[in-house]
Amino acid sequence: MGDPQDIVSVLIAIIAIIVSKEVAYLLGPYAAIIVLACAGASLALSGTEDDLNYGRAIIYIGVRVMLAIVLTVAIAELLENVIPWAKPRYTLVPLAFAIGWIKDYGGVMGWFGSVINRFVNRRVDGGPQ
């Protein structure tokens, strides 16, 4: 018995039935990102107290899916450079879900900005590197 298949492999196999194998290898990871970002955004949307109409809910999910498409592959590649055993094929699954699930992007941007600020200040002040 081989290793269990990840969601990317399953989506590649499904897409390969519809189109060619080469196209499936290109589209499979992005299909996984879209599915997982939709799942995360739906989970985030279900936990809000706001009454959103159908159009605003689609925009809410669509923005998170587009953000996941743009950021997931880049973050997965960067993560592999920091942690060599973290292969992008496996890290993009939780990353896409997490990007879709984030409710407060302002808080995330503030935290990320403070991390960059501390890093830059350490470099400028000549502190430990």
Protein backbone atom coordinates (compact mmCIF):
# COMPACT_ATOMS: atom_id res chain seq x y z
CA MET A 1 0.00 0.00 0.00
CA GLY A 2 1.45 3.37 -1.02
CA ASP A 3 1.31 6.76 0.59
CA PRO A 4 -2.13 8.33 0.93
CA GLN A 5 -2.98 10.82 -1.79
CA ASP A 6 -3.14 14.50 -0.96
CA ILE A 7 -5.90 16.76 -2.22
CA VAL A 8 -3.64 18.19 -4.94
CA SER A 9 -3.08 14.72 -6.43
CA VAL A 10 -6.80 13.95 -6.29
CA LEU A 11 -7.68 17.18 -8.08
CA ILE A 12 -4.97 16.56 -10.69
CA ALA A 13 -6.47 13.13 -11.36
CA ILE A 14 -9.99 14.57 -11.68
CA ILE A 15 -8.84 17.38 -13.98
CA ALA A 16 -6.80 14.90 -16.07
CA ILE A 17 -10.04 13.05 -16.85
CA ILE A 18 -11.53 16.26 -18.26
CA VAL A 19 -8.44 17.73 -19.98
CA SER A 20 -4.92 16.55 -20.75
CA LYS A 21 -2.48 15.43 -18.09
CA GLU A 22 -0.15 18.37 -18.75
CA VAL A 23 -2.94 20.90 -18.17
CA ALA A 24 -4.04 18.99 -15.08
CA TYR A 25 -0.57 19.30 -13.53
CA LEU A 26 -0.72 23.07 -14.06
CA LEU A 27 -4.29 23.56 -12.83
CA GLY A 28 -4.40 21.00 -10.00
CA PRO A 29 -2.58 23.03 -7.33
CA TYR A 30 -4.63 26.14 -8.15
CA ALA A 31 -7.85 24.14 -8.04
CA ALA A 32 -6.83 22.93 -4.57
CA ILE A 33 -6.11 26.52 -3.51
CA ILE A 34 -9.53 27.65 -4.73
CA VAL A 35 -11.40 24.80 -3.02
CA LEU A 36 -9.57 25.23 0.29
CA ALA A 37 -9.78 29.02 0.30
CA CYS A 38 -13.53 28.72 -0.35
CA ALA A 39 -13.81 26.30 2.57
CA GLY A 40 -11.86 28.61 4.88
CA ALA A 41 -13.80 31.70 3.76
CA SER A 42 -17.10 29.87 4.23
CA LEU A 43 -16.04 28.91 7.73
CA ALA A 44 -15.07 32.51 8.48
CA LEU A 45 -18.34 33.75 6.99
CA SER A 46 -20.39 31.34 9.09
CA GLY A 47 -18.83 32.76 12.27
CA THR A 48 -19.73 36.40 11.58
CA GLU A 49 -22.67 38.16 13.15
CA ASP A 50 -23.16 40.39 10.11
CA ASP A 51 -26.17 39.80 7.91
CA LEU A 52 -24.68 39.62 4.46
CA ASN A 53 -26.83 39.35 1.39
CA TYR A 54 -25.96 36.91 -1.37
CA GLY A 55 -23.88 39.40 -3.40
CA ARG A 56 -21.79 40.56 -0.44
CA ALA A 57 -21.17 36.95 0.62
CA ILE A 58 -19.90 36.12 -2.88
CA ILE A 59 -17.61 39.17 -2.79
CA TYR A 60 -16.41 38.20 0.73
CA ILE A 61 -15.47 34.71 -0.43
CA GLY A 62 -14.16 35.88 -3.80
CA VAL A 63 -11.71 38.36 -2.27
CA ARG A 64 -10.31 35.69 0.03
CA VAL A 65 -9.99 33.21 -2.83
CA MET A 66 -8.17 35.75 -5.01
CA LEU A 67 -5.85 36.62 -2.11
CA ALA A 68 -5.15 32.93 -1.55
CA ILE A 69 -4.38 32.40 -5.25
CA VAL A 70 -1.91 35.29 -5.18
CA LEU A 71 -0.21 34.53 -1.86
CA THR A 72 -0.31 30.78 -1.27
CA VAL A 73 2.30 29.63 -3.78
CA ALA A 74 4.71 32.43 -2.85
CA ILE A 75 4.39 31.74 0.89
CA ALA A 76 4.75 27.98 0.31
CA GLU A 77 7.96 28.54 -1.69
CA LEU A 78 9.36 30.89 0.98
CA LEU A 79 8.46 28.39 3.69
CA GLU A 80 10.43 25.70 1.85
CA ASN A 81 13.51 27.95 1.91
CA VAL A 82 13.18 28.38 5.69
CA ILE A 83 12.12 24.81 6.49
CA PRO A 84 13.59 22.45 3.83
CA TRP A 85 11.28 19.54 4.62
CA ALA A 86 8.14 21.71 4.14
CA LYS A 87 7.39 20.93 0.50
CA PRO A 88 5.09 23.45 -1.26
CA ARG A 89 2.81 20.67 -2.49
CA TYR A 90 1.82 19.92 1.10
CA THR A 91 2.06 23.36 2.69
CA LEU A 92 -0.22 25.09 0.20
CA VAL A 93 -3.19 23.10 1.49
CA PRO A 94 -3.21 24.56 5.04
CA LEU A 95 -1.97 27.94 3.80
CA ALA A 96 -4.88 28.34 1.35
CA PHE A 97 -7.35 27.29 4.04
CA ALA A 98 -5.83 29.70 6.58
CA ILE A 99 -5.80 32.62 4.13
CA GLY A 100 -9.47 32.00 3.44
CA TRP A 101 -10.29 31.65 7.14
CA ILE A 102 -8.67 34.90 8.35
CA LYS A 103 -11.36 37.33 9.49
CA ASP A 104 -9.25 40.35 10.50
CA TYR A 105 -6.71 41.15 7.80
CA GLY A 106 -5.97 44.49 9.49
CA GLY A 107 -4.68 42.63 12.55
CA VAL A 108 -2.58 40.29 10.41
CA MET A 109 -1.05 43.22 8.51
CA GLY A 110 -0.31 45.00 11.81
CA TRP A 111 1.40 41.90 13.22
CA PHE A 112 3.40 41.35 10.02
CA GLY A 113 4.43 45.02 9.97
CA SER A 114 5.63 44.83 13.57
CA VAL A 115 7.72 41.73 12.76
CA ILE A 116 9.35 43.53 9.83
CA ASN A 117 9.87 46.64 11.96
CA ARG A 118 11.63 44.65 14.71
CA PHE A 119 13.81 42.91 12.13
CA VAL A 120 14.81 46.18 10.46
CA ASN A 121 15.48 47.89 13.80
CA ARG A 122 17.74 45.03 14.89
CA ARG A 123 19.71 45.31 11.63
CA VAL A 124 19.98 49.11 11.86
CA ASP A 125 20.88 49.18 15.56
CA GLY A 126 23.54 46.51 15.05
CA GLY A 127 21.85 44.09 17.43
CA PRO A 128 21.93 40.29 17.21
CA GLN A 129 21.21 38.97 13.73
